[in-house]
Each structure stands twice: as structure tokens, then as C-alpha cells.
Amino acid sequence: MEEGFALWANPSSPHAEGRKARSLLEDARERVKGALGWEGEVIFTSGASEAAALALDRAKAGARLVSAVEHDCILQAVPDAERVAVRPDGALDLEVLTEAVQRERPLVAVQHVNSETGNRQDLAAIAGIVGQAGGLLLADCAQSAGKFALPPCDMAIVSAHKFGGPIGIGALLVRDYALLVASGGHERGYRRGTENLPGALGMAAALEAAGDPYLDPDIAAPLESLSGSLTLDTPTPYIRAIAMPNMSASAQVMRLDMAGISVSQGSACSSGTMKTSRVLEAMQVPPEIAANTIRVSLGWNTTREEVERFCELWLEMAKA
């Protein structure tokens, strides 16, 4: 990023400094594609929310379908979209999906790893159903890119800060530009606004530095001692939804914050409201359990000692 700030000029300008910036931007684009194993196109955006809005607004497709547990940025981009139900374990109901896609070229949006529960959807099976119906699949990979291999899809949403990169930069991965209606402006005419060159360079560097695996399973192991984890179809090690008996989620968040531990009630984008999670409601989690459920997420720099301290405090609070 320091290199990008030092050499910054508008990458769309035709002068020498602009051409130098364009060269750096295109190098970052190729590095992002290489690190993610993506063979299509990359449109840099300001983050996942813009990438989602771009895809849902401009995709050359018919009806928009979204899973019932999608991130708020998806639901707000297409508030009238049909919502496809999930099972109590968080997995998309494939029978319901198979029936829902029986229409002209639908666009289906599904989050690869849920931002509140950590459940990982079977995108390979979902892609098969959507593809057989002649539709397009938009995979929200904000929580999985840089941690798991990209799933089969036509478009994917990526956010740099979710894998240790800078805030304010993300991308929409597109199998082919022809899937989108062009809008003019930058990024091959598919996004308006000057490109964030330092952010793009930071994003590429973070992806290249990401470990494999992203998180040592040993770091998350202490969480297995907590009895309140929700039962999920395919849980991931770095996001957990944990319910504590006899204490509200808002009380847990405040008490843990006072102890120097940051957790959320629901997703970070909506946790300030302190409302019961609609994701848990869609999973048919009983209200008394949903009201006591917090989200625990582990970052690239989280240590086992920090996880152990959280578990000790959680168990103390649960006994109170």
C-alpha cells in the first residue's frame, strides 16, 4: 500500500504517471486472480456491499433468488427477491431451490460461509441445480475467500479486510464480462469511480500472505469445550454461534467487552441494533436460544491463548 500511495495517479489517465499506475493496478488484478485461482475477470470495488449491489443490479438474468440467511447487503440490494428457505442446520433446502429455479434464467445469490453462524453451504450441489436450470449463481465469498478454495459459480463477492487486507477494497469476480450490463466509467466500463490503487495492492499482498490453512485448527480447539454451539450442517473453525443459558446475548457482549474481548450479537453490520438475528429465525432456532446467542469470530492474528481466555470467561458467566 505504501508503494501504491507513493506512485499514485489516476490509473485511467493517459499520461506517464497514469500509465504507471495502470500497470500496477493490472499487476494487482492478475495477482488477485492467481491467488484465488480465478480464471475469469476481476472488477475492483469498494468492498463486498458494492460488489453485491453491482452483481444483483446489472446481471443479465431474470428473477433474483436469495437464501433466507443472506447478509443484509444482499437483501437490501434486492428487497423484493424471493427467499429460499434453509433447514434448521443452516443448509439451503435443495428441494425448495430446485423448484424455485424453474423460471427463465434466474440469478441465485448464496453466501458460501454464513457471517453469523459459520455454516458452509454446499455450493457445488447448488451450482449444479442452478446451472441445470440455465440460471446464474452469485456466491458471496466475503467470509470464505482466502480461507477456502472458491466454489463453482458465475460470480463471486470478495472483501479484502476479511482475510487481513485493507478496508475499503473488494472485488466482484465475474466469469465473463458479458454476464453484466456495462455502466460506463472505470474497470472496463463496469464501475464508476477512480480505482483504489493502494487498496488493490494491499488486497493482492494479503491474499498472497494468507496461510494454508487460514487458521490453525488447534487455535479454535478450545471452543469445542463450550456446550452452547449451534448444530450446523458444515461448521467452519473461525466463526461460531454460541448460546449461553440464562443470559441474553446483549449482556454477554457487554460483559465480555468489559473484559477486553470483542464478540457480536448477529453480524457486525447489524449487531448495534441488539435485535434477535433473522438468520437464527430462518433456521427455526427457538426464540429463547436465539436471544442468548453470540457470534465469535477468529481472525488471522487470533492466538490460542486469547481463545482459551474467552472460553474460561464464558464458562464462568454460564455458571453464574
C-alpha atoms as a PDB file:
ATOM      1  CA  MET A   1       0.000   0.000   0.000  1.00  0.00           C
ATOM      2  CA  GLU A   2       2.878   2.362   0.704  1.00  0.00           C
ATOM      3  CA  GLU A   3       4.144   1.689  -2.819  1.00  0.00           C
ATOM      4  CA  GLY A   4       0.704   2.484  -4.180  1.00  0.00           C
ATOM      5  CA  PHE A   5       0.433   5.756  -2.269  1.00  0.00           C
ATOM      6  CA  ALA A   6       3.944   6.777  -3.348  1.00  0.00           C
ATOM      7  CA  LEU A   7       3.260   6.104  -7.040  1.00  0.00           C
ATOM      8  CA  TRP A   8      -0.403   7.044  -7.072  1.00  0.00           C
ATOM      9  CA  ALA A   9      -2.025   8.691 -10.069  1.00  0.00           C
ATOM     10  CA  ASN A  10      -5.399   8.092 -11.670  1.00  0.00           C
ATOM     11  CA  PRO A  11      -4.963   4.732 -13.436  1.00  0.00           C
ATOM     12  CA  SER A  12      -7.310   5.903 -16.196  1.00  0.00           C
ATOM     13  CA  SER A  13      -5.213   8.970 -17.070  1.00  0.00           C
ATOM     14  CA  PRO A  14      -3.265   8.707 -20.349  1.00  0.00           C
ATOM     15  CA  HIS A  15      -0.118  10.488 -19.133  1.00  0.00           C
ATOM     16  CA  ALA A  16       3.039   8.669 -17.983  1.00  0.00           C
ATOM     17  CA  GLU A  17       2.146   8.683 -14.272  1.00  0.00           C
ATOM     18  CA  GLY A  18      -1.330   7.382 -15.059  1.00  0.00           C
ATOM     19  CA  ARG A  19       0.097   4.612 -17.241  1.00  0.00           C
ATOM     20  CA  LYS A  20       2.471   3.622 -14.437  1.00  0.00           C
ATOM     21  CA  ALA A  21      -0.459   3.431 -12.018  1.00  0.00           C
ATOM     22  CA  ARG A  22      -2.463   1.399 -14.549  1.00  0.00           C
ATOM     23  CA  SER A  23       0.400  -1.072 -14.835  1.00  0.00           C
ATOM     24  CA  LEU A  24       0.456  -1.520 -11.049  1.00  0.00           C
ATOM     25  CA  LEU A  25      -3.329  -1.912 -10.933  1.00  0.00           C
ATOM     26  CA  GLU A  26      -3.323  -4.585 -13.629  1.00  0.00           C
ATOM     27  CA  ASP A  27      -0.486  -6.382 -11.858  1.00  0.00           C
ATOM     28  CA  ALA A  28      -2.581  -6.403  -8.667  1.00  0.00           C
ATOM     29  CA  ARG A  29      -5.554  -7.724 -10.641  1.00  0.00           C
ATOM     30  CA  GLU A  30      -3.533 -10.637 -12.014  1.00  0.00           C
ATOM     31  CA  ARG A  31      -2.091 -11.381  -8.573  1.00  0.00           C
ATOM     32  CA  VAL A  32      -5.592 -11.486  -7.048  1.00  0.00           C
ATOM     33  CA  LYS A  33      -6.753 -13.841  -9.792  1.00  0.00           C
ATOM     34  CA  GLY A  34      -3.722 -16.062  -9.306  1.00  0.00           C
ATOM     35  CA  ALA A  35      -4.013 -16.186  -5.514  1.00  0.00           C
ATOM     36  CA  LEU A  36      -7.708 -17.071  -5.699  1.00  0.00           C
ATOM     37  CA  GLY A  37      -7.361 -19.471  -8.617  1.00  0.00           C
ATOM     38  CA  TRP A  38      -9.939 -17.470 -10.599  1.00  0.00           C
ATOM     39  CA  GLU A  39      -9.809 -17.729 -14.378  1.00  0.00           C
ATOM     40  CA  GLY A  40     -12.453 -15.101 -15.130  1.00  0.00           C
ATOM     41  CA  GLU A  41     -12.461 -11.323 -14.692  1.00  0.00           C
ATOM     42  CA  VAL A  42     -11.934  -9.155 -11.598  1.00  0.00           C
ATOM     43  CA  ILE A  43     -13.767  -5.860 -11.042  1.00  0.00           C
ATOM     44  CA  PHE A  44     -12.295  -3.962  -8.091  1.00  0.00           C
ATOM     45  CA  THR A  45     -14.912  -2.357  -5.822  1.00  0.00           C
ATOM     46  CA  SER A  46     -15.033  -0.519  -2.501  1.00  0.00           C
ATOM     47  CA  GLY A  47     -15.937  -3.773  -0.745  1.00  0.00           C
ATOM     48  CA  ALA A  48     -18.411  -6.638  -0.608  1.00  0.00           C
ATOM     49  CA  SER A  49     -21.537  -4.473  -0.381  1.00  0.00           C
ATOM     50  CA  GLU A  50     -20.771  -2.630  -3.616  1.00  0.00           C
ATOM     51  CA  ALA A  51     -19.825  -5.871  -5.347  1.00  0.00           C
ATOM     52  CA  ALA A  52     -23.151  -7.408  -4.304  1.00  0.00           C
ATOM     53  CA  ALA A  53     -25.147  -4.406  -5.495  1.00  0.00           C
ATOM     54  CA  LEU A  54     -23.291  -4.363  -8.810  1.00  0.00           C
ATOM     55  CA  ALA A  55     -23.954  -8.044  -9.478  1.00  0.00           C
ATOM     56  CA  LEU A  56     -27.584  -8.044  -8.397  1.00  0.00           C
ATOM     57  CA  ASP A  57     -28.416  -4.855 -10.274  1.00  0.00           C
ATOM     58  CA  ARG A  58     -26.539  -5.475 -13.527  1.00  0.00           C
ATOM     59  CA  ALA A  59     -26.582  -9.221 -14.102  1.00  0.00           C
ATOM     60  CA  LYS A  60     -28.230 -10.224 -17.364  1.00  0.00           C
ATOM     61  CA  ALA A  61     -30.692 -12.550 -15.701  1.00  0.00           C
ATOM     62  CA  GLY A  62     -34.335 -12.818 -14.761  1.00  0.00           C
ATOM     63  CA  ALA A  63     -35.766 -13.329 -11.290  1.00  0.00           C
ATOM     64  CA  ARG A  64     -33.472 -12.756  -8.324  1.00  0.00           C
ATOM     65  CA  LEU A  65     -33.480 -15.528  -5.704  1.00  0.00           C
ATOM     66  CA  VAL A  66     -31.602 -15.325  -2.390  1.00  0.00           C
ATOM     67  CA  SER A  67     -31.250 -17.696   0.524  1.00  0.00           C
ATOM     68  CA  ALA A  68     -33.106 -16.758   3.698  1.00  0.00           C
ATOM     69  CA  VAL A  69     -29.831 -16.344   5.619  1.00  0.00           C
ATOM     70  CA  GLU A  70     -28.044 -13.912   3.315  1.00  0.00           C
ATOM     71  CA  HIS A  71     -26.107 -10.869   4.512  1.00  0.00           C
ATOM     72  CA  ASP A  72     -28.019  -7.598   4.826  1.00  0.00           C
ATOM     73  CA  CYS A  73     -26.215  -6.094   1.818  1.00  0.00           C
ATOM     74  CA  ILE A  74     -27.771  -8.779  -0.407  1.00  0.00           C
ATOM     75  CA  LEU A  75     -31.287  -8.387   0.972  1.00  0.00           C
ATOM     76  CA  GLN A  76     -31.132  -4.594   0.776  1.00  0.00           C
ATOM     77  CA  ALA A  77     -29.911  -4.693  -2.825  1.00  0.00           C
ATOM     78  CA  VAL A  78     -32.890  -6.823  -3.904  1.00  0.00           C
ATOM     79  CA  PRO A  79     -35.590  -6.374  -1.223  1.00  0.00           C
ATOM     80  CA  ASP A  80     -38.260  -7.965  -3.418  1.00  0.00           C
ATOM     81  CA  ALA A  81     -36.252 -11.091  -4.253  1.00  0.00           C
ATOM     82  CA  GLU A  82     -37.740 -14.478  -3.463  1.00  0.00           C
ATOM     83  CA  ARG A  83     -36.121 -16.012  -0.380  1.00  0.00           C
ATOM     84  CA  VAL A  84     -35.206 -19.693  -0.471  1.00  0.00           C
ATOM     85  CA  ALA A  85     -35.628 -21.494   2.841  1.00  0.00           C
ATOM     86  CA  VAL A  86     -32.850 -23.167   4.819  1.00  0.00           C
ATOM     87  CA  ARG A  87     -33.012 -26.227   7.044  1.00  0.00           C
ATOM     88  CA  PRO A  88     -32.632 -25.988  10.833  1.00  0.00           C
ATOM     89  CA  ASP A  89     -28.921 -26.817  10.431  1.00  0.00           C
ATOM     90  CA  GLY A  90     -28.431 -23.760   8.197  1.00  0.00           C
ATOM     91  CA  ALA A  91     -28.041 -25.632   4.908  1.00  0.00           C
ATOM     92  CA  LEU A  92     -30.028 -24.368   1.932  1.00  0.00           C
ATOM     93  CA  ASP A  93     -33.055 -26.583   1.265  1.00  0.00           C
ATOM     94  CA  LEU A  94     -32.086 -28.048  -2.109  1.00  0.00           C
ATOM     95  CA  GLU A  95     -35.565 -29.373  -2.827  1.00  0.00           C
ATOM     96  CA  VAL A  96     -37.022 -25.895  -2.384  1.00  0.00           C
ATOM     97  CA  LEU A  97     -34.224 -24.456  -4.531  1.00  0.00           C
ATOM     98  CA  THR A  98     -34.830 -26.977  -7.314  1.00  0.00           C
ATOM     99  CA  GLU A  99     -38.445 -25.874  -7.530  1.00  0.00           C
ATOM    100  CA  ALA A 100     -37.654 -22.156  -7.185  1.00  0.00           C
ATOM    101  CA  VAL A 101     -35.197 -22.033 -10.114  1.00  0.00           C
ATOM    102  CA  GLN A 102     -37.757 -23.325 -12.603  1.00  0.00           C
ATOM    103  CA  ARG A 103     -38.076 -19.964 -14.354  1.00  0.00           C
ATOM    104  CA  GLU A 104     -36.277 -18.059 -17.089  1.00  0.00           C
ATOM    105  CA  ARG A 105     -32.554 -17.590 -16.312  1.00  0.00           C
ATOM    106  CA  PRO A 106     -32.751 -16.836 -12.557  1.00  0.00           C
ATOM    107  CA  LEU A 107     -29.903 -15.253 -10.606  1.00  0.00           C
ATOM    108  CA  VAL A 108     -29.362 -17.078  -7.304  1.00  0.00           C
ATOM    109  CA  ALA A 109     -27.315 -15.466  -4.501  1.00  0.00           C
ATOM    110  CA  VAL A 110     -25.935 -17.718  -1.752  1.00  0.00           C
ATOM    111  CA  GLN A 111     -23.384 -16.967   0.975  1.00  0.00           C
ATOM    112  CA  HIS A 112     -20.564 -19.540   0.924  1.00  0.00           C
ATOM    113  CA  VAL A 113     -19.840 -19.212   4.665  1.00  0.00           C
ATOM    114  CA  ASN A 114     -22.510 -17.591   6.793  1.00  0.00           C
ATOM    115  CA  SER A 115     -21.277 -14.489   8.583  1.00  0.00           C
ATOM    116  CA  GLU A 116     -23.253 -15.199  11.763  1.00  0.00           C
ATOM    117  CA  THR A 117     -23.102 -18.962  12.219  1.00  0.00           C
ATOM    118  CA  GLY A 118     -20.065 -20.030  10.191  1.00  0.00           C
ATOM    119  CA  ASN A 119     -22.068 -22.688   8.353  1.00  0.00           C
ATOM    120  CA  ARG A 120     -20.614 -23.508   4.922  1.00  0.00           C
ATOM    121  CA  GLN A 121     -23.062 -24.144   2.092  1.00  0.00           C
ATOM    122  CA  ASP A 122     -22.607 -26.947  -0.436  1.00  0.00           C
ATOM    123  CA  LEU A 123     -22.012 -24.592  -3.359  1.00  0.00           C
ATOM    124  CA  ALA A 124     -21.066 -27.447  -5.699  1.00  0.00           C
ATOM    125  CA  ALA A 125     -24.526 -29.001  -5.309  1.00  0.00           C
ATOM    126  CA  ILE A 126     -26.200 -25.593  -5.515  1.00  0.00           C
ATOM    127  CA  ALA A 127     -24.242 -24.684  -8.661  1.00  0.00           C
ATOM    128  CA  GLY A 128     -25.356 -27.926 -10.284  1.00  0.00           C
ATOM    129  CA  ILE A 129     -29.033 -27.177  -9.618  1.00  0.00           C
ATOM    130  CA  VAL A 130     -28.783 -23.564 -10.771  1.00  0.00           C
ATOM    131  CA  GLY A 131     -26.743 -24.456 -13.860  1.00  0.00           C
ATOM    132  CA  GLN A 132     -29.112 -27.213 -14.914  1.00  0.00           C
ATOM    133  CA  ALA A 133     -31.954 -24.688 -14.803  1.00  0.00           C
ATOM    134  CA  GLY A 134     -29.986 -22.287 -17.008  1.00  0.00           C
ATOM    135  CA  GLY A 135     -29.506 -19.760 -14.207  1.00  0.00           C
ATOM    136  CA  LEU A 136     -26.563 -17.837 -12.789  1.00  0.00           C
ATOM    137  CA  LEU A 137     -25.009 -18.359  -9.354  1.00  0.00           C
ATOM    138  CA  LEU A 138     -23.647 -15.438  -7.330  1.00  0.00           C
ATOM    139  CA  ALA A 139     -21.528 -16.754  -4.446  1.00  0.00           C
ATOM    140  CA  ASP A 140     -20.937 -14.373  -1.537  1.00  0.00           C
ATOM    141  CA  CYS A 141     -17.392 -15.375  -0.627  1.00  0.00           C
ATOM    142  CA  ALA A 142     -16.665 -12.448   1.674  1.00  0.00           C
ATOM    143  CA  GLN A 143     -16.229 -14.842   4.610  1.00  0.00           C
ATOM    144  CA  SER A 144     -14.506 -17.645   2.688  1.00  0.00           C
ATOM    145  CA  ALA A 145     -12.149 -16.153   0.075  1.00  0.00           C
ATOM    146  CA  GLY A 146      -8.546 -16.569   1.146  1.00  0.00           C
ATOM    147  CA  LYS A 147      -9.634 -19.293   3.589  1.00  0.00           C
ATOM    148  CA  PHE A 148     -11.295 -21.891   1.356  1.00  0.00           C
ATOM    149  CA  ALA A 149     -10.993 -22.518  -2.359  1.00  0.00           C
ATOM    150  CA  LEU A 150     -13.505 -20.555  -4.399  1.00  0.00           C
ATOM    151  CA  PRO A 151     -16.646 -22.601  -5.093  1.00  0.00           C
ATOM    152  CA  PRO A 152     -18.035 -23.204  -8.592  1.00  0.00           C
ATOM    153  CA  CYS A 153     -20.033 -20.102  -9.541  1.00  0.00           C
ATOM    154  CA  ASP A 154     -20.616 -17.492 -12.236  1.00  0.00           C
ATOM    155  CA  MET A 155     -19.806 -14.530  -9.977  1.00  0.00           C
ATOM    156  CA  ALA A 156     -18.236 -14.192  -6.552  1.00  0.00           C
ATOM    157  CA  ILE A 157     -18.095 -11.414  -3.956  1.00  0.00           C
ATOM    158  CA  VAL A 158     -14.767 -10.791  -2.186  1.00  0.00           C
ATOM    159  CA  SER A 159     -13.799  -8.391   0.625  1.00  0.00           C
ATOM    160  CA  ALA A 160     -10.135  -7.727   1.413  1.00  0.00           C
ATOM    161  CA  HIS A 161     -10.393  -6.970   5.131  1.00  0.00           C
ATOM    162  CA  LYS A 162     -11.923 -10.399   5.755  1.00  0.00           C
ATOM    163  CA  PHE A 163      -8.562 -12.068   5.019  1.00  0.00           C
ATOM    164  CA  GLY A 164      -6.279  -9.470   6.610  1.00  0.00           C
ATOM    165  CA  GLY A 165      -6.216  -6.905   3.805  1.00  0.00           C
ATOM    166  CA  PRO A 166      -7.149  -3.217   3.994  1.00  0.00           C
ATOM    167  CA  ILE A 167     -10.674  -1.909   4.463  1.00  0.00           C
ATOM    168  CA  GLY A 168     -12.395  -0.152   1.576  1.00  0.00           C
ATOM    169  CA  ILE A 169     -11.389  -2.580  -1.172  1.00  0.00           C
ATOM    170  CA  GLY A 170     -13.034  -5.700  -2.520  1.00  0.00           C
ATOM    171  CA  ALA A 171     -13.966  -7.220  -5.846  1.00  0.00           C
ATOM    172  CA  LEU A 172     -16.668  -8.787  -7.916  1.00  0.00           C
ATOM    173  CA  LEU A 173     -15.296 -11.833  -9.697  1.00  0.00           C
ATOM    174  CA  VAL A 174     -17.121 -12.453 -12.980  1.00  0.00           C
ATOM    175  CA  ARG A 175     -16.780 -15.488 -15.205  1.00  0.00           C
ATOM    176  CA  ASP A 176     -17.341 -13.260 -18.247  1.00  0.00           C
ATOM    177  CA  TYR A 177     -17.970  -9.532 -18.570  1.00  0.00           C
ATOM    178  CA  ALA A 178     -20.842 -10.416 -20.902  1.00  0.00           C
ATOM    179  CA  LEU A 179     -22.864 -11.538 -17.855  1.00  0.00           C
ATOM    180  CA  LEU A 180     -23.225  -7.877 -16.806  1.00  0.00           C
ATOM    181  CA  VAL A 181     -24.737  -4.737 -18.304  1.00  0.00           C
ATOM    182  CA  ALA A 182     -21.956  -2.153 -18.646  1.00  0.00           C
ATOM    183  CA  SER A 183     -22.473   1.207 -16.928  1.00  0.00           C
ATOM    184  CA  GLY A 184     -19.578   3.241 -18.269  1.00  0.00           C
ATOM    185  CA  GLY A 185     -16.735   4.657 -16.228  1.00  0.00           C
ATOM    186  CA  HIS A 186     -13.752   2.685 -14.943  1.00  0.00           C
ATOM    187  CA  GLU A 187     -12.988  -1.034 -14.534  1.00  0.00           C
ATOM    188  CA  ARG A 188     -13.580  -1.822 -18.219  1.00  0.00           C
ATOM    189  CA  GLY A 189     -16.764   0.238 -18.066  1.00  0.00           C
ATOM    190  CA  TYR A 190     -18.407  -1.798 -15.303  1.00  0.00           C
ATOM    191  CA  ARG A 191     -17.835   0.513 -12.317  1.00  0.00           C
ATOM    192  CA  ARG A 192     -17.806   4.258 -11.795  1.00  0.00           C
ATOM    193  CA  GLY A 193     -15.249   5.935  -9.554  1.00  0.00           C
ATOM    194  CA  THR A 194     -11.458   6.138  -9.574  1.00  0.00           C
ATOM    195  CA  GLU A 195      -9.815   2.846  -8.688  1.00  0.00           C
ATOM    196  CA  ASN A 196      -8.231   2.441  -5.249  1.00  0.00           C
ATOM    197  CA  LEU A 197      -4.689   1.522  -6.329  1.00  0.00           C
ATOM    198  CA  PRO A 198      -3.117   1.304  -2.827  1.00  0.00           C
ATOM    199  CA  GLY A 199      -6.055  -0.825  -1.662  1.00  0.00           C
ATOM    200  CA  ALA A 200      -5.792  -3.158  -4.654  1.00  0.00           C
ATOM    201  CA  LEU A 201      -2.079  -3.674  -3.994  1.00  0.00           C
ATOM    202  CA  GLY A 202      -2.777  -4.325  -0.308  1.00  0.00           C
ATOM    203  CA  MET A 203      -5.512  -6.798  -1.208  1.00  0.00           C
ATOM    204  CA  ALA A 204      -3.189  -8.738  -3.505  1.00  0.00           C
ATOM    205  CA  ALA A 205      -0.422  -8.789  -0.889  1.00  0.00           C
ATOM    206  CA  ALA A 206      -2.790 -10.015   1.836  1.00  0.00           C
ATOM    207  CA  LEU A 207      -4.079 -12.853  -0.355  1.00  0.00           C
ATOM    208  CA  GLU A 208      -0.543 -13.931  -1.159  1.00  0.00           C
ATOM    209  CA  ALA A 209       0.369 -13.863   2.529  1.00  0.00           C
ATOM    210  CA  ALA A 210      -2.701 -15.821   3.658  1.00  0.00           C
ATOM    211  CA  GLY A 211      -1.776 -19.083   5.308  1.00  0.00           C
ATOM    212  CA  ASP A 212      -2.944 -22.524   4.223  1.00  0.00           C
ATOM    213  CA  PRO A 213      -4.915 -23.293   6.270  1.00  0.00           C
ATOM    214  CA  TYR A 214      -6.061 -19.761   7.083  1.00  0.00           C
ATOM    215  CA  LEU A 215      -6.401 -20.702  10.742  1.00  0.00           C
ATOM    216  CA  ASP A 216      -4.563 -23.457  12.589  1.00  0.00           C
ATOM    217  CA  PRO A 217      -7.333 -25.801  13.840  1.00  0.00           C
ATOM    218  CA  ASP A 218      -5.507 -26.014  17.172  1.00  0.00           C
ATOM    219  CA  ILE A 219      -6.259 -22.323  17.813  1.00  0.00           C
ATOM    220  CA  ALA A 220     -10.021 -22.870  17.673  1.00  0.00           C
ATOM    221  CA  ALA A 221      -9.946 -26.222  19.505  1.00  0.00           C
ATOM    222  CA  PRO A 222     -10.838 -24.797  22.971  1.00  0.00           C
ATOM    223  CA  LEU A 223     -14.228 -23.709  21.610  1.00  0.00           C
ATOM    224  CA  GLU A 224     -15.204 -27.380  21.464  1.00  0.00           C
ATOM    225  CA  SER A 225     -15.477 -27.321  25.256  1.00  0.00           C
ATOM    226  CA  LEU A 226     -18.457 -24.965  25.102  1.00  0.00           C
ATOM    227  CA  SER A 227     -21.787 -26.742  25.057  1.00  0.00           C
ATOM    228  CA  GLY A 228     -23.764 -23.872  23.526  1.00  0.00           C
ATOM    229  CA  SER A 229     -22.543 -24.105  19.911  1.00  0.00           C
ATOM    230  CA  LEU A 230     -25.384 -24.405  17.426  1.00  0.00           C
ATOM    231  CA  THR A 231     -25.681 -27.640  15.444  1.00  0.00           C
ATOM    232  CA  LEU A 232     -24.722 -26.833  11.851  1.00  0.00           C
ATOM    233  CA  ASP A 233     -24.536 -28.763   8.595  1.00  0.00           C
ATOM    234  CA  THR A 234     -20.910 -27.856   7.834  1.00  0.00           C
ATOM    235  CA  PRO A 235     -19.348 -25.643  10.535  1.00  0.00           C
ATOM    236  CA  THR A 236     -16.156 -23.674   9.983  1.00  0.00           C
ATOM    237  CA  PRO A 237     -13.464 -23.193  12.647  1.00  0.00           C
ATOM    238  CA  TYR A 238     -13.260 -19.395  12.572  1.00  0.00           C
ATOM    239  CA  ILE A 239     -16.920 -18.337  13.061  1.00  0.00           C
ATOM    240  CA  ARG A 240     -19.090 -19.806  15.804  1.00  0.00           C
ATOM    241  CA  ALA A 241     -22.624 -19.101  17.022  1.00  0.00           C
ATOM    242  CA  ILE A 242     -22.773 -19.948  20.731  1.00  0.00           C
ATOM    243  CA  ALA A 243     -25.805 -19.773  23.028  1.00  0.00           C
ATOM    244  CA  MET A 244     -25.408 -19.316  26.781  1.00  0.00           C
ATOM    245  CA  PRO A 245     -28.164 -20.488  29.150  1.00  0.00           C
ATOM    246  CA  ASN A 246     -29.855 -17.825  31.231  1.00  0.00           C
ATOM    247  CA  MET A 247     -28.013 -14.771  29.888  1.00  0.00           C
ATOM    248  CA  SER A 248     -29.033 -12.555  26.975  1.00  0.00           C
ATOM    249  CA  ALA A 249     -26.657 -12.001  24.094  1.00  0.00           C
ATOM    250  CA  SER A 250     -26.561  -8.246  24.739  1.00  0.00           C
ATOM    251  CA  ALA A 251     -25.491  -8.856  28.355  1.00  0.00           C
ATOM    252  CA  GLN A 252     -22.787 -11.273  27.206  1.00  0.00           C
ATOM    253  CA  VAL A 253     -21.464  -8.782  24.651  1.00  0.00           C
ATOM    254  CA  MET A 254     -21.197  -6.037  27.283  1.00  0.00           C
ATOM    255  CA  ARG A 255     -19.605  -8.210  29.973  1.00  0.00           C
ATOM    256  CA  LEU A 256     -17.069  -9.688  27.563  1.00  0.00           C
ATOM    257  CA  ASP A 257     -16.290  -6.217  26.216  1.00  0.00           C
ATOM    258  CA  MET A 258     -15.513  -5.048  29.752  1.00  0.00           C
ATOM    259  CA  ALA A 259     -13.059  -7.958  29.969  1.00  0.00           C
ATOM    260  CA  GLY A 260     -11.358  -6.878  26.735  1.00  0.00           C
ATOM    261  CA  ILE A 261     -12.960  -9.473  24.472  1.00  0.00           C
ATOM    262  CA  SER A 262     -14.892  -8.354  21.390  1.00  0.00           C
ATOM    263  CA  VAL A 263     -17.790 -10.506  20.178  1.00  0.00           C
ATOM    264  CA  SER A 264     -21.027  -9.701  18.362  1.00  0.00           C
ATOM    265  CA  GLN A 265     -24.726 -10.336  18.571  1.00  0.00           C
ATOM    266  CA  GLY A 266     -25.593 -11.299  14.998  1.00  0.00           C
ATOM    267  CA  SER A 267     -23.486  -9.910  12.152  1.00  0.00           C
ATOM    268  CA  ALA A 268     -21.223  -6.925  12.783  1.00  0.00           C
ATOM    269  CA  CYS A 269     -23.227  -4.849  10.272  1.00  0.00           C
ATOM    270  CA  SER A 270     -26.413  -5.135  12.324  1.00  0.00           C
ATOM    271  CA  SER A 271     -25.181  -6.003  15.830  1.00  0.00           C
ATOM    272  CA  GLY A 272     -25.552  -2.414  17.032  1.00  0.00           C
ATOM    273  CA  THR A 273     -29.321  -2.855  16.963  1.00  0.00           C
ATOM    274  CA  MET A 274     -29.193  -5.644  19.572  1.00  0.00           C
ATOM    275  CA  LYS A 275     -32.110  -7.365  17.833  1.00  0.00           C
ATOM    276  CA  THR A 276     -32.602 -11.130  17.630  1.00  0.00           C
ATOM    277  CA  SER A 277     -30.906 -12.436  14.495  1.00  0.00           C
ATOM    278  CA  ARG A 278     -33.146 -13.034  11.475  1.00  0.00           C
ATOM    279  CA  VAL A 279     -30.600 -15.692  10.402  1.00  0.00           C
ATOM    280  CA  LEU A 280     -31.382 -17.699  13.522  1.00  0.00           C
ATOM    281  CA  GLU A 281     -35.088 -17.108  12.961  1.00  0.00           C
ATOM    282  CA  ALA A 282     -34.761 -18.532   9.426  1.00  0.00           C
ATOM    283  CA  MET A 283     -33.029 -21.586  10.926  1.00  0.00           C
ATOM    284  CA  GLN A 284     -36.002 -22.007  13.283  1.00  0.00           C
ATOM    285  CA  VAL A 285     -33.826 -21.598  16.364  1.00  0.00           C
ATOM    286  CA  PRO A 286     -36.186 -21.210  19.361  1.00  0.00           C
ATOM    287  CA  PRO A 287     -36.502 -17.535  20.379  1.00  0.00           C
ATOM    288  CA  GLU A 288     -35.186 -18.185  23.886  1.00  0.00           C
ATOM    289  CA  ILE A 289     -31.983 -19.678  22.432  1.00  0.00           C
ATOM    290  CA  ALA A 290     -31.610 -17.100  19.645  1.00  0.00           C
ATOM    291  CA  ALA A 291     -31.857 -14.277  22.192  1.00  0.00           C
ATOM    292  CA  ASN A 292     -28.883 -15.767  24.075  1.00  0.00           C
ATOM    293  CA  THR A 293     -26.652 -16.439  21.052  1.00  0.00           C
ATOM    294  CA  ILE A 294     -23.457 -14.520  20.320  1.00  0.00           C
ATOM    295  CA  ARG A 295     -21.142 -14.648  17.320  1.00  0.00           C
ATOM    296  CA  VAL A 296     -17.485 -15.454  17.963  1.00  0.00           C
ATOM    297  CA  SER A 297     -15.088 -14.941  15.049  1.00  0.00           C
ATOM    298  CA  LEU A 298     -11.353 -15.623  14.947  1.00  0.00           C
ATOM    299  CA  GLY A 299      -9.035 -13.530  12.795  1.00  0.00           C
ATOM    300  CA  TRP A 300      -5.730 -14.254  11.111  1.00  0.00           C
ATOM    301  CA  ASN A 301      -3.890 -12.914  14.186  1.00  0.00           C
ATOM    302  CA  THR A 302      -6.024 -14.568  16.895  1.00  0.00           C
ATOM    303  CA  THR A 303      -3.988 -16.693  19.312  1.00  0.00           C
ATOM    304  CA  ARG A 304      -4.920 -19.870  21.163  1.00  0.00           C
ATOM    305  CA  GLU A 305      -4.309 -18.045  24.450  1.00  0.00           C
ATOM    306  CA  GLU A 306      -6.973 -15.493  23.527  1.00  0.00           C
ATOM    307  CA  VAL A 307      -9.439 -18.254  22.655  1.00  0.00           C
ATOM    308  CA  GLU A 308      -8.698 -20.062  25.934  1.00  0.00           C
ATOM    309  CA  ARG A 309      -9.300 -16.853  27.910  1.00  0.00           C
ATOM    310  CA  PHE A 310     -12.638 -16.336  26.156  1.00  0.00           C
ATOM    311  CA  CYS A 311     -13.671 -19.917  26.957  1.00  0.00           C
ATOM    312  CA  GLU A 312     -12.744 -19.504  30.630  1.00  0.00           C
ATOM    313  CA  LEU A 313     -14.801 -16.320  30.917  1.00  0.00           C
ATOM    314  CA  TRP A 314     -17.742 -17.833  29.015  1.00  0.00           C
ATOM    315  CA  LEU A 315     -17.825 -20.831  31.359  1.00  0.00           C
ATOM    316  CA  GLU A 316     -17.648 -18.572  34.415  1.00  0.00           C
ATOM    317  CA  MET A 317     -20.540 -16.476  33.109  1.00  0.00           C
ATOM    318  CA  ALA A 318     -22.574 -19.575  32.242  1.00  0.00           C
ATOM    319  CA  LYS A 319     -22.280 -20.830  35.836  1.00  0.00           C
ATOM    320  CA  ALA A 320     -23.394 -17.539  37.375  1.00  0.00           C
END
